[in-house]
Amino acid sequence: MIGKEDKVILVTGATGHQGREVVYSLLKNGWIVDAFTRGRSDRAVNDLKGLGARVVIGDMEDRSSLDGALKGVYGVFLVTTPFEGGISAELKKGKMMTDAAKAAGVKHLVFSSVGASERKTGVPFFENKREIELYIMNSGLPNTIFKPVSFMINFEEPGMRNSILGGVLRSPYPEHKKEQYVALEDLGAFVNIAFENPDTYIGKEIELASDELTLSQVADSFSMILGQRITYERIPAEEIKKMRGDDYYKMVQWHLDNGFKADIGALRKIYPRLSTFDSWLRKHEWNRMRIYNAA
């Protein structure tokens, strides 16, 4: 264990789902946290300050901005996304932060990638994350790479949430195929564990999942928590391609043939408070929601 009272962790993506949960977890466990954000939302910035973070305004594509933010920083939590600018912009950000962190003498970088990135999936989102991973690994910067599977929070995406509250869980996967899911809270917990135990976690790549269920079981869990029957409906593959594009379709096809392979039992030994899907539903107060009458 290392002392935390004078050690600063810079958290990127601090207003996003992953970054915010990591900020919360690190603060709760006694770290000093610099929340790195572009500051486009006063409300989001104020929320971070309310948690106890020191807000640092900057740009992931501006090296001078990164250099300033990294002064005196012990560790970095890095999360990147292809949803702003595409995968080439994501790759640029990942490499730039790695270079800046190394130049600043950062002692530990934790990168949130994606499950199965090392398995040559052919999925552009995954392959891009792997390129960032390899760049970090080859940089000489002490690092830990976590590879979260599908996030439970995706069920709260407005279209998905409204469909469930309307009585139907829709997905492109067969109802009896097991899928792995991870809670953001568990990612935050593991990031803290890695920073607290660098000798154990530096150099490790760990796939993260909290629970494994079939879509039929997921529908049953929603039925139980909502007190109403939720039915399962499979989305045709061609509809997925039209809705989300070729890259997302490739990801679906990979899931159908393969899937995530996190060792949930081993993860639970490290962190016994690992979420279950049911506990996540209760924590996120799905039990307070009720199916609306569309009529």
C-alpha atoms as a PDB file:
ATOM      1  CA  MET A   1       0.000   0.000   0.000  1.00  0.00           C
ATOM      2  CA  ILE A   2       1.210   3.508  -0.745  1.00  0.00           C
ATOM      3  CA  GLY A   3       0.416   6.804   0.901  1.00  0.00           C
ATOM      4  CA  LYS A   4      -2.144   8.906  -0.923  1.00  0.00           C
ATOM      5  CA  GLU A   5      -2.353  12.150   0.977  1.00  0.00           C
ATOM      6  CA  ASP A   6       0.183  13.922  -1.259  1.00  0.00           C
ATOM      7  CA  LYS A   7      -0.365  12.014  -4.498  1.00  0.00           C
ATOM      8  CA  VAL A   8      -2.441  13.414  -7.337  1.00  0.00           C
ATOM      9  CA  ILE A   9      -4.329  11.320  -9.901  1.00  0.00           C
ATOM     10  CA  LEU A  10      -5.330  13.039 -13.134  1.00  0.00           C
ATOM     11  CA  VAL A  11      -8.614  11.584 -14.427  1.00  0.00           C
ATOM     12  CA  THR A  12      -9.452  12.137 -18.081  1.00  0.00           C
ATOM     13  CA  GLY A  13     -12.996  12.048 -19.389  1.00  0.00           C
ATOM     14  CA  ALA A  14     -14.020  13.292 -15.967  1.00  0.00           C
ATOM     15  CA  THR A  15     -17.530  14.337 -16.993  1.00  0.00           C
ATOM     16  CA  GLY A  16     -18.239  11.044 -18.785  1.00  0.00           C
ATOM     17  CA  HIS A  17     -19.626   7.860 -17.282  1.00  0.00           C
ATOM     18  CA  GLN A  18     -16.278   6.161 -16.690  1.00  0.00           C
ATOM     19  CA  GLY A  19     -14.306   9.213 -15.646  1.00  0.00           C
ATOM     20  CA  ARG A  20     -16.892  10.446 -13.196  1.00  0.00           C
ATOM     21  CA  GLU A  21     -17.134   7.058 -11.483  1.00  0.00           C
ATOM     22  CA  VAL A  22     -13.340   6.858 -11.228  1.00  0.00           C
ATOM     23  CA  VAL A  23     -13.225  10.370  -9.756  1.00  0.00           C
ATOM     24  CA  TYR A  24     -15.768   9.326  -7.143  1.00  0.00           C
ATOM     25  CA  SER A  25     -13.973   6.076  -6.291  1.00  0.00           C
ATOM     26  CA  LEU A  26     -10.551   7.701  -5.936  1.00  0.00           C
ATOM     27  CA  LEU A  27     -11.839  10.574  -3.808  1.00  0.00           C
ATOM     28  CA  LYS A  28     -13.716   8.146  -1.579  1.00  0.00           C
ATOM     29  CA  ASN A  29     -10.461   6.258  -1.040  1.00  0.00           C
ATOM     30  CA  GLY A  30      -8.386   9.292  -0.084  1.00  0.00           C
ATOM     31  CA  TRP A  31      -6.633  10.338  -3.296  1.00  0.00           C
ATOM     32  CA  ILE A  32      -6.224  13.904  -4.504  1.00  0.00           C
ATOM     33  CA  VAL A  33      -8.010  14.015  -7.854  1.00  0.00           C
ATOM     34  CA  ASP A  34      -7.530  16.436 -10.727  1.00  0.00           C
ATOM     35  CA  ALA A  35     -10.579  16.067 -12.977  1.00  0.00           C
ATOM     36  CA  PHE A  36      -9.532  16.827 -16.547  1.00  0.00           C
ATOM     37  CA  THR A  37     -12.319  18.284 -18.695  1.00  0.00           C
ATOM     38  CA  ARG A  38     -12.879  20.704 -21.537  1.00  0.00           C
ATOM     39  CA  GLY A  39     -15.293  22.578 -19.276  1.00  0.00           C
ATOM     40  CA  ARG A  40     -18.132  22.800 -21.769  1.00  0.00           C
ATOM     41  CA  SER A  41     -20.791  22.338 -19.116  1.00  0.00           C
ATOM     42  CA  ASP A  42     -20.888  24.535 -16.019  1.00  0.00           C
ATOM     43  CA  ARG A  43     -23.171  22.021 -14.341  1.00  0.00           C
ATOM     44  CA  ALA A  44     -20.771  19.121 -14.965  1.00  0.00           C
ATOM     45  CA  VAL A  45     -17.820  21.163 -13.706  1.00  0.00           C
ATOM     46  CA  ASN A  46     -19.727  22.177 -10.584  1.00  0.00           C
ATOM     47  CA  ASP A  47     -20.702  18.554  -9.999  1.00  0.00           C
ATOM     48  CA  LEU A  48     -17.030  17.534 -10.063  1.00  0.00           C
ATOM     49  CA  LYS A  49     -16.145  20.308  -7.620  1.00  0.00           C
ATOM     50  CA  GLY A  50     -19.013  19.184  -5.420  1.00  0.00           C
ATOM     51  CA  LEU A  51     -17.497  15.713  -5.248  1.00  0.00           C
ATOM     52  CA  GLY A  52     -14.244  17.252  -4.015  1.00  0.00           C
ATOM     53  CA  ALA A  53     -12.193  17.101  -7.204  1.00  0.00           C
ATOM     54  CA  ARG A  54      -9.888  19.847  -8.418  1.00  0.00           C
ATOM     55  CA  VAL A  55     -11.120  20.703 -11.907  1.00  0.00           C
ATOM     56  CA  VAL A  56      -8.478  21.126 -14.617  1.00  0.00           C
ATOM     57  CA  ILE A  57      -9.676  22.620 -17.888  1.00  0.00           C
ATOM     58  CA  GLY A  58      -7.832  21.294 -20.915  1.00  0.00           C
ATOM     59  CA  ASP A  59      -7.906  19.570 -24.282  1.00  0.00           C
ATOM     60  CA  MET A  60      -6.779  15.991 -24.957  1.00  0.00           C
ATOM     61  CA  GLU A  61      -5.601  17.022 -28.431  1.00  0.00           C
ATOM     62  CA  ASP A  62      -3.415  19.885 -27.189  1.00  0.00           C
ATOM     63  CA  ARG A  63       0.008  18.740 -25.977  1.00  0.00           C
ATOM     64  CA  SER A  64       0.738  21.967 -24.126  1.00  0.00           C
ATOM     65  CA  SER A  65      -2.574  21.588 -22.307  1.00  0.00           C
ATOM     66  CA  LEU A  66      -1.604  18.065 -21.244  1.00  0.00           C
ATOM     67  CA  ASP A  67       1.875  19.141 -20.172  1.00  0.00           C
ATOM     68  CA  GLY A  68       0.386  21.771 -17.880  1.00  0.00           C
ATOM     69  CA  ALA A  69      -2.186  19.388 -16.412  1.00  0.00           C
ATOM     70  CA  LEU A  70       0.422  16.695 -15.693  1.00  0.00           C
ATOM     71  CA  LYS A  71       2.795  18.792 -13.577  1.00  0.00           C
ATOM     72  CA  GLY A  72       3.224  17.154 -10.191  1.00  0.00           C
ATOM     73  CA  VAL A  73       0.881  14.278 -11.051  1.00  0.00           C
ATOM     74  CA  TYR A  74       1.565  10.797  -9.653  1.00  0.00           C
ATOM     75  CA  GLY A  75      -0.902   8.773 -11.735  1.00  0.00           C
ATOM     76  CA  VAL A  76      -3.234   9.087 -14.707  1.00  0.00           C
ATOM     77  CA  PHE A  77      -6.525   7.404 -15.492  1.00  0.00           C
ATOM     78  CA  LEU A  78      -6.894   7.445 -19.261  1.00  0.00           C
ATOM     79  CA  VAL A  79     -10.125   6.756 -21.112  1.00  0.00           C
ATOM     80  CA  THR A  80     -10.609   7.445 -24.811  1.00  0.00           C
ATOM     81  CA  THR A  81     -13.637   7.271 -27.070  1.00  0.00           C
ATOM     82  CA  PRO A  82     -14.193   7.015 -30.828  1.00  0.00           C
ATOM     83  CA  PHE A  83     -17.499   8.866 -30.587  1.00  0.00           C
ATOM     84  CA  GLU A  84     -15.948  12.314 -30.855  1.00  0.00           C
ATOM     85  CA  GLY A  85     -13.886  12.599 -33.992  1.00  0.00           C
ATOM     86  CA  GLY A  86     -13.691   8.911 -34.896  1.00  0.00           C
ATOM     87  CA  ILE A  87     -11.098   6.238 -34.184  1.00  0.00           C
ATOM     88  CA  SER A  88      -8.178   8.182 -35.685  1.00  0.00           C
ATOM     89  CA  ALA A  89      -8.790  11.045 -33.236  1.00  0.00           C
ATOM     90  CA  GLU A  90      -9.090   8.545 -30.395  1.00  0.00           C
ATOM     91  CA  LEU A  91      -5.755   6.996 -31.322  1.00  0.00           C
ATOM     92  CA  LYS A  92      -4.103  10.414 -31.466  1.00  0.00           C
ATOM     93  CA  LYS A  93      -5.391  11.294 -27.990  1.00  0.00           C
ATOM     94  CA  GLY A  94      -4.224   8.015 -26.500  1.00  0.00           C
ATOM     95  CA  LYS A  95      -0.727   8.368 -27.913  1.00  0.00           C
ATOM     96  CA  MET A  96      -0.414  12.041 -27.004  1.00  0.00           C
ATOM     97  CA  MET A  97      -1.396  11.433 -23.390  1.00  0.00           C
ATOM     98  CA  THR A  98       1.063   8.541 -23.179  1.00  0.00           C
ATOM     99  CA  ASP A  99       3.906  10.700 -24.482  1.00  0.00           C
ATOM    100  CA  ALA A 100       2.986  13.597 -22.205  1.00  0.00           C
ATOM    101  CA  ALA A 101       2.671  11.365 -19.142  1.00  0.00           C
ATOM    102  CA  LYS A 102       6.045   9.782 -19.769  1.00  0.00           C
ATOM    103  CA  ALA A 103       7.685  13.166 -20.262  1.00  0.00           C
ATOM    104  CA  ALA A 104       6.101  14.385 -17.004  1.00  0.00           C
ATOM    105  CA  GLY A 105       7.472  11.433 -15.058  1.00  0.00           C
ATOM    106  CA  VAL A 106       4.083   9.920 -14.224  1.00  0.00           C
ATOM    107  CA  LYS A 107       4.564   6.814 -12.074  1.00  0.00           C
ATOM    108  CA  HIS A 108       1.458   4.872 -13.065  1.00  0.00           C
ATOM    109  CA  LEU A 109      -0.981   5.146 -15.961  1.00  0.00           C
ATOM    110  CA  VAL A 110      -4.219   3.150 -15.883  1.00  0.00           C
ATOM    111  CA  PHE A 111      -5.940   2.805 -19.254  1.00  0.00           C
ATOM    112  CA  SER A 112      -9.564   1.754 -19.691  1.00  0.00           C
ATOM    113  CA  SER A 113      -9.680  -0.157 -22.955  1.00  0.00           C
ATOM    114  CA  VAL A 114     -12.207  -2.809 -24.019  1.00  0.00           C
ATOM    115  CA  GLY A 115     -12.613  -6.529 -23.419  1.00  0.00           C
ATOM    116  CA  ALA A 116     -11.092  -8.918 -25.976  1.00  0.00           C
ATOM    117  CA  SER A 117      -8.971  -6.176 -27.566  1.00  0.00           C
ATOM    118  CA  GLU A 118      -6.009  -8.559 -27.839  1.00  0.00           C
ATOM    119  CA  ARG A 119      -7.944 -11.302 -29.664  1.00  0.00           C
ATOM    120  CA  LYS A 120      -7.771  -9.930 -33.223  1.00  0.00           C
ATOM    121  CA  THR A 121     -11.512  -9.429 -33.357  1.00  0.00           C
ATOM    122  CA  GLY A 122     -11.568  -7.456 -36.605  1.00  0.00           C
ATOM    123  CA  VAL A 123     -13.865  -4.941 -34.892  1.00  0.00           C
ATOM    124  CA  PRO A 124     -12.498  -1.439 -35.658  1.00  0.00           C
ATOM    125  CA  PHE A 125     -13.413  -0.056 -32.185  1.00  0.00           C
ATOM    126  CA  PHE A 126     -11.557  -2.925 -30.516  1.00  0.00           C
ATOM    127  CA  GLU A 127      -8.548  -2.928 -32.829  1.00  0.00           C
ATOM    128  CA  ASN A 128      -8.041   0.788 -32.226  1.00  0.00           C
ATOM    129  CA  LYS A 129      -8.054   0.269 -28.460  1.00  0.00           C
ATOM    130  CA  ARG A 130      -5.453  -2.466 -28.911  1.00  0.00           C
ATOM    131  CA  GLU A 131      -3.196  -0.092 -30.837  1.00  0.00           C
ATOM    132  CA  ILE A 132      -3.360   2.363 -27.938  1.00  0.00           C
ATOM    133  CA  GLU A 133      -2.635  -0.465 -25.474  1.00  0.00           C
ATOM    134  CA  LEU A 134       0.456  -1.533 -27.407  1.00  0.00           C
ATOM    135  CA  TYR A 135       1.674   2.047 -27.647  1.00  0.00           C
ATOM    136  CA  ILE A 136       1.372   2.407 -23.880  1.00  0.00           C
ATOM    137  CA  MET A 137       3.071  -0.957 -23.243  1.00  0.00           C
ATOM    138  CA  ASN A 138       5.980  -0.104 -25.528  1.00  0.00           C
ATOM    139  CA  SER A 139       6.418   3.409 -24.115  1.00  0.00           C
ATOM    140  CA  GLY A 140       8.185   2.285 -20.961  1.00  0.00           C
ATOM    141  CA  LEU A 141       5.544   4.073 -18.872  1.00  0.00           C
ATOM    142  CA  PRO A 142       4.426   1.976 -15.868  1.00  0.00           C
ATOM    143  CA  ASN A 143       0.886   0.941 -16.743  1.00  0.00           C
ATOM    144  CA  THR A 144      -2.146  -1.154 -15.959  1.00  0.00           C
ATOM    145  CA  ILE A 145      -4.752  -1.912 -18.613  1.00  0.00           C
ATOM    146  CA  PHE A 146      -8.317  -2.717 -17.669  1.00  0.00           C
ATOM    147  CA  LYS A 147     -10.590  -4.141 -20.341  1.00  0.00           C
ATOM    148  CA  PRO A 148     -14.234  -3.610 -19.415  1.00  0.00           C
ATOM    149  CA  VAL A 149     -16.893  -5.670 -21.171  1.00  0.00           C
ATOM    150  CA  SER A 150     -20.354  -4.283 -21.998  1.00  0.00           C
ATOM    151  CA  PHE A 151     -21.431  -1.697 -19.440  1.00  0.00           C
ATOM    152  CA  MET A 152     -24.635  -2.211 -17.475  1.00  0.00           C
ATOM    153  CA  ILE A 153     -25.229   1.530 -17.849  1.00  0.00           C
ATOM    154  CA  ASN A 154     -25.984   0.906 -21.547  1.00  0.00           C
ATOM    155  CA  PHE A 155     -29.420  -0.291 -20.459  1.00  0.00           C
ATOM    156  CA  GLU A 156     -30.053   3.316 -19.389  1.00  0.00           C
ATOM    157  CA  GLU A 157     -29.461   4.678 -22.880  1.00  0.00           C
ATOM    158  CA  PRO A 158     -32.748   6.511 -23.611  1.00  0.00           C
ATOM    159  CA  GLY A 159     -33.952   4.289 -26.444  1.00  0.00           C
ATOM    160  CA  MET A 160     -33.159   1.086 -24.548  1.00  0.00           C
ATOM    161  CA  ARG A 161     -34.596   2.408 -21.287  1.00  0.00           C
ATOM    162  CA  ASN A 162     -37.847   3.522 -22.889  1.00  0.00           C
ATOM    163  CA  SER A 163     -38.249   0.183 -24.643  1.00  0.00           C
ATOM    164  CA  ILE A 164     -37.759  -1.716 -21.377  1.00  0.00           C
ATOM    165  CA  LEU A 165     -40.190   0.544 -19.541  1.00  0.00           C
ATOM    166  CA  GLY A 166     -42.564  -0.101 -22.428  1.00  0.00           C
ATOM    167  CA  GLY A 167     -42.357  -3.823 -21.730  1.00  0.00           C
ATOM    168  CA  VAL A 168     -39.806  -5.048 -24.277  1.00  0.00           C
ATOM    169  CA  LEU A 169     -36.075  -5.716 -23.973  1.00  0.00           C
ATOM    170  CA  ARG A 170     -34.556  -5.664 -27.469  1.00  0.00           C
ATOM    171  CA  SER A 171     -31.092  -6.915 -28.413  1.00  0.00           C
ATOM    172  CA  PRO A 172     -29.371  -8.471 -31.438  1.00  0.00           C
ATOM    173  CA  TYR A 173     -28.280 -11.565 -29.482  1.00  0.00           C
ATOM    174  CA  PRO A 174     -30.106 -14.880 -28.976  1.00  0.00           C
ATOM    175  CA  GLU A 175     -32.034 -14.908 -25.721  1.00  0.00           C
ATOM    176  CA  HIS A 176     -30.157 -17.932 -24.340  1.00  0.00           C
ATOM    177  CA  LYS A 177     -26.624 -16.735 -25.209  1.00  0.00           C
ATOM    178  CA  LYS A 178     -24.696 -15.651 -22.126  1.00  0.00           C
ATOM    179  CA  GLU A 179     -23.329 -12.118 -22.156  1.00  0.00           C
ATOM    180  CA  GLN A 180     -21.001 -10.415 -19.693  1.00  0.00           C
ATOM    181  CA  TYR A 181     -21.685  -7.006 -18.186  1.00  0.00           C
ATOM    182  CA  VAL A 182     -19.723  -4.668 -15.926  1.00  0.00           C
ATOM    183  CA  ALA A 183     -20.910  -1.969 -13.538  1.00  0.00           C
ATOM    184  CA  LEU A 184     -19.159   1.388 -13.665  1.00  0.00           C
ATOM    185  CA  GLU A 185     -18.843   1.238  -9.890  1.00  0.00           C
ATOM    186  CA  ASP A 186     -16.709  -1.897 -10.214  1.00  0.00           C
ATOM    187  CA  LEU A 187     -14.430  -0.278 -12.782  1.00  0.00           C
ATOM    188  CA  GLY A 188     -13.917   2.589 -10.335  1.00  0.00           C
ATOM    189  CA  ALA A 189     -13.110   0.142  -7.553  1.00  0.00           C
ATOM    190  CA  PHE A 190     -10.531  -1.714  -9.635  1.00  0.00           C
ATOM    191  CA  VAL A 191      -8.855   1.509 -10.756  1.00  0.00           C
ATOM    192  CA  ASN A 192      -8.439   2.428  -7.104  1.00  0.00           C
ATOM    193  CA  ILE A 193      -7.107  -1.056  -6.294  1.00  0.00           C
ATOM    194  CA  ALA A 194      -4.523  -0.765  -9.072  1.00  0.00           C
ATOM    195  CA  PHE A 195      -3.296   2.629  -7.908  1.00  0.00           C
ATOM    196  CA  GLU A 196      -3.107   1.410  -4.310  1.00  0.00           C
ATOM    197  CA  ASN A 197      -1.138  -1.711  -5.284  1.00  0.00           C
ATOM    198  CA  PRO A 198       1.216  -0.733  -8.118  1.00  0.00           C
ATOM    199  CA  ASP A 199       3.652  -3.579  -7.497  1.00  0.00           C
ATOM    200  CA  THR A 200       0.840  -6.052  -8.117  1.00  0.00           C
ATOM    201  CA  TYR A 201      -0.930  -4.361 -11.020  1.00  0.00           C
ATOM    202  CA  ILE A 202       1.717  -2.585 -13.103  1.00  0.00           C
ATOM    203  CA  GLY A 203       2.204  -4.588 -16.276  1.00  0.00           C
ATOM    204  CA  LYS A 204      -1.172  -6.335 -15.988  1.00  0.00           C
ATOM    205  CA  GLU A 205      -3.971  -6.559 -18.557  1.00  0.00           C
ATOM    206  CA  ILE A 206      -7.254  -7.496 -16.896  1.00  0.00           C
ATOM    207  CA  GLU A 207     -10.630  -8.055 -18.513  1.00  0.00           C
ATOM    208  CA  LEU A 208     -13.353  -6.684 -16.229  1.00  0.00           C
ATOM    209  CA  ALA A 209     -16.881  -8.012 -15.823  1.00  0.00           C
ATOM    210  CA  SER A 210     -19.318  -8.015 -12.924  1.00  0.00           C
ATOM    211  CA  ASP A 211     -21.922 -10.577 -13.960  1.00  0.00           C
ATOM    212  CA  GLU A 212     -22.837 -12.987 -16.747  1.00  0.00           C
ATOM    213  CA  LEU A 213     -26.424 -13.589 -17.846  1.00  0.00           C
ATOM    214  CA  THR A 214     -28.490 -14.620 -20.829  1.00  0.00           C
ATOM    215  CA  LEU A 215     -30.803 -11.993 -22.308  1.00  0.00           C
ATOM    216  CA  SER A 216     -33.699 -14.085 -21.037  1.00  0.00           C
ATOM    217  CA  GLN A 217     -32.292 -13.777 -17.509  1.00  0.00           C
ATOM    218  CA  VAL A 218     -31.799 -10.032 -17.999  1.00  0.00           C
ATOM    219  CA  ALA A 219     -35.461  -9.705 -18.998  1.00  0.00           C
ATOM    220  CA  ASP A 220     -36.464 -11.733 -15.927  1.00  0.00           C
ATOM    221  CA  SER A 221     -34.426  -9.422 -13.692  1.00  0.00           C
ATOM    222  CA  PHE A 222     -36.149  -6.369 -15.145  1.00  0.00           C
ATOM    223  CA  SER A 223     -39.523  -8.100 -14.710  1.00  0.00           C
ATOM    224  CA  MET A 224     -38.789  -8.782 -11.053  1.00  0.00           C
ATOM    225  CA  ILE A 225     -37.520  -5.300 -10.232  1.00  0.00           C
ATOM    226  CA  LEU A 226     -40.275  -3.469 -12.141  1.00  0.00           C
ATOM    227  CA  GLY A 227     -43.077  -5.748 -11.008  1.00  0.00           C
ATOM    228  CA  GLN A 228     -44.241  -6.149 -14.606  1.00  0.00           C
ATOM    229  CA  ARG A 229     -43.500  -8.727 -17.272  1.00  0.00           C
ATOM    230  CA  ILE A 230     -40.704  -7.710 -19.646  1.00  0.00           C
ATOM    231  CA  THR A 231     -40.535  -9.761 -22.817  1.00  0.00           C
ATOM    232  CA  TYR A 232     -37.442 -10.318 -24.939  1.00  0.00           C
ATOM    233  CA  GLU A 233     -37.298  -9.497 -28.627  1.00  0.00           C
ATOM    234  CA  ARG A 234     -34.318 -10.157 -30.863  1.00  0.00           C
ATOM    235  CA  ILE A 235     -33.368  -7.405 -33.319  1.00  0.00           C
ATOM    236  CA  PRO A 236     -32.641  -8.727 -36.844  1.00  0.00           C
ATOM    237  CA  ALA A 237     -29.029  -8.317 -37.913  1.00  0.00           C
ATOM    238  CA  GLU A 238     -29.906  -6.228 -40.967  1.00  0.00           C
ATOM    239  CA  GLU A 239     -31.829  -3.812 -38.767  1.00  0.00           C
ATOM    240  CA  ILE A 240     -28.709  -3.404 -36.625  1.00  0.00           C
ATOM    241  CA  LYS A 241     -26.652  -2.574 -39.702  1.00  0.00           C
ATOM    242  CA  LYS A 242     -29.160   0.070 -40.782  1.00  0.00           C
ATOM    243  CA  MET A 243     -29.446   1.540 -37.288  1.00  0.00           C
ATOM    244  CA  ARG A 244     -25.802   1.576 -36.206  1.00  0.00           C
ATOM    245  CA  GLY A 245     -23.621   1.072 -39.293  1.00  0.00           C
ATOM    246  CA  ASP A 246     -21.093  -1.511 -40.486  1.00  0.00           C
ATOM    247  CA  ASP A 247     -18.607  -1.217 -37.612  1.00  0.00           C
ATOM    248  CA  TYR A 248     -21.254  -1.842 -34.977  1.00  0.00           C
ATOM    249  CA  TYR A 249     -22.594  -4.719 -37.080  1.00  0.00           C
ATOM    250  CA  LYS A 250     -19.101  -6.270 -37.098  1.00  0.00           C
ATOM    251  CA  MET A 251     -19.042  -6.043 -33.317  1.00  0.00           C
ATOM    252  CA  VAL A 252     -22.405  -7.810 -33.097  1.00  0.00           C
ATOM    253  CA  GLN A 253     -21.213 -10.581 -35.415  1.00  0.00           C
ATOM    254  CA  TRP A 254     -18.081 -11.022 -33.296  1.00  0.00           C
ATOM    255  CA  HIS A 255     -20.230 -11.312 -30.170  1.00  0.00           C
ATOM    256  CA  LEU A 256     -22.399 -13.923 -31.842  1.00  0.00           C
ATOM    257  CA  ASP A 257     -19.379 -16.066 -32.711  1.00  0.00           C
ATOM    258  CA  ASN A 258     -17.218 -15.329 -29.659  1.00  0.00           C
ATOM    259  CA  GLY A 259     -17.862 -13.010 -26.721  1.00  0.00           C
ATOM    260  CA  PHE A 260     -16.116 -11.653 -23.659  1.00  0.00           C
ATOM    261  CA  LYS A 261     -14.226 -14.015 -21.361  1.00  0.00           C
ATOM    262  CA  ALA A 262     -13.561 -12.199 -18.098  1.00  0.00           C
ATOM    263  CA  ASP A 263     -12.865 -14.458 -15.119  1.00  0.00           C
ATOM    264  CA  ILE A 264     -15.617 -13.184 -12.847  1.00  0.00           C
ATOM    265  CA  GLY A 265     -14.792 -15.645 -10.066  1.00  0.00           C
ATOM    266  CA  ALA A 266     -11.203 -14.426  -9.886  1.00  0.00           C
ATOM    267  CA  LEU A 267     -12.339 -10.794  -9.964  1.00  0.00           C
ATOM    268  CA  ARG A 268     -14.740 -11.409  -7.098  1.00  0.00           C
ATOM    269  CA  LYS A 269     -11.881 -12.818  -4.997  1.00  0.00           C
ATOM    270  CA  ILE A 270     -10.002  -9.552  -5.504  1.00  0.00           C
ATOM    271  CA  TYR A 271     -13.076  -7.414  -4.912  1.00  0.00           C
ATOM    272  CA  PRO A 272     -15.811  -9.307  -3.005  1.00  0.00           C
ATOM    273  CA  ARG A 273     -18.274  -6.420  -3.426  1.00  0.00           C
ATOM    274  CA  LEU A 274     -18.410  -6.978  -7.186  1.00  0.00           C
ATOM    275  CA  SER A 275     -21.878  -6.104  -8.467  1.00  0.00           C
ATOM    276  CA  THR A 276     -24.525  -8.516  -9.644  1.00  0.00           C
ATOM    277  CA  PHE A 277     -26.994  -7.399 -12.272  1.00  0.00           C
ATOM    278  CA  ASP A 278     -29.817  -7.435  -9.717  1.00  0.00           C
ATOM    279  CA  SER A 279     -27.843  -5.373  -7.204  1.00  0.00           C
ATOM    280  CA  TRP A 280     -27.027  -2.884  -9.963  1.00  0.00           C
ATOM    281  CA  LEU A 281     -30.700  -2.545 -10.851  1.00  0.00           C
ATOM    282  CA  ARG A 282     -31.576  -1.827  -7.234  1.00  0.00           C
ATOM    283  CA  LYS A 283     -28.731   0.651  -6.807  1.00  0.00           C
ATOM    284  CA  HIS A 284     -29.853   2.534  -9.893  1.00  0.00           C
ATOM    285  CA  GLU A 285     -33.420   2.551  -8.575  1.00  0.00           C
ATOM    286  CA  TRP A 286     -35.074   0.684 -11.426  1.00  0.00           C
ATOM    287  CA  ASN A 287     -37.407  -0.594  -8.706  1.00  0.00           C
ATOM    288  CA  ARG A 288     -38.850   2.935  -8.529  1.00  0.00           C
ATOM    289  CA  MET A 289     -39.671   3.001 -12.227  1.00  0.00           C
ATOM    290  CA  ARG A 290     -42.911   1.727 -13.696  1.00  0.00           C
ATOM    291  CA  ILE A 291     -43.988   0.803 -17.172  1.00  0.00           C
ATOM    292  CA  TYR A 292     -45.834   3.637 -18.826  1.00  0.00           C
ATOM    293  CA  ASN A 293     -49.040   3.274 -20.774  1.00  0.00           C
ATOM    294  CA  ALA A 294     -48.074   4.151 -24.322  1.00  0.00           C
ATOM    295  CA  ALA A 295     -51.716   4.755 -25.190  1.00  0.00           C
END
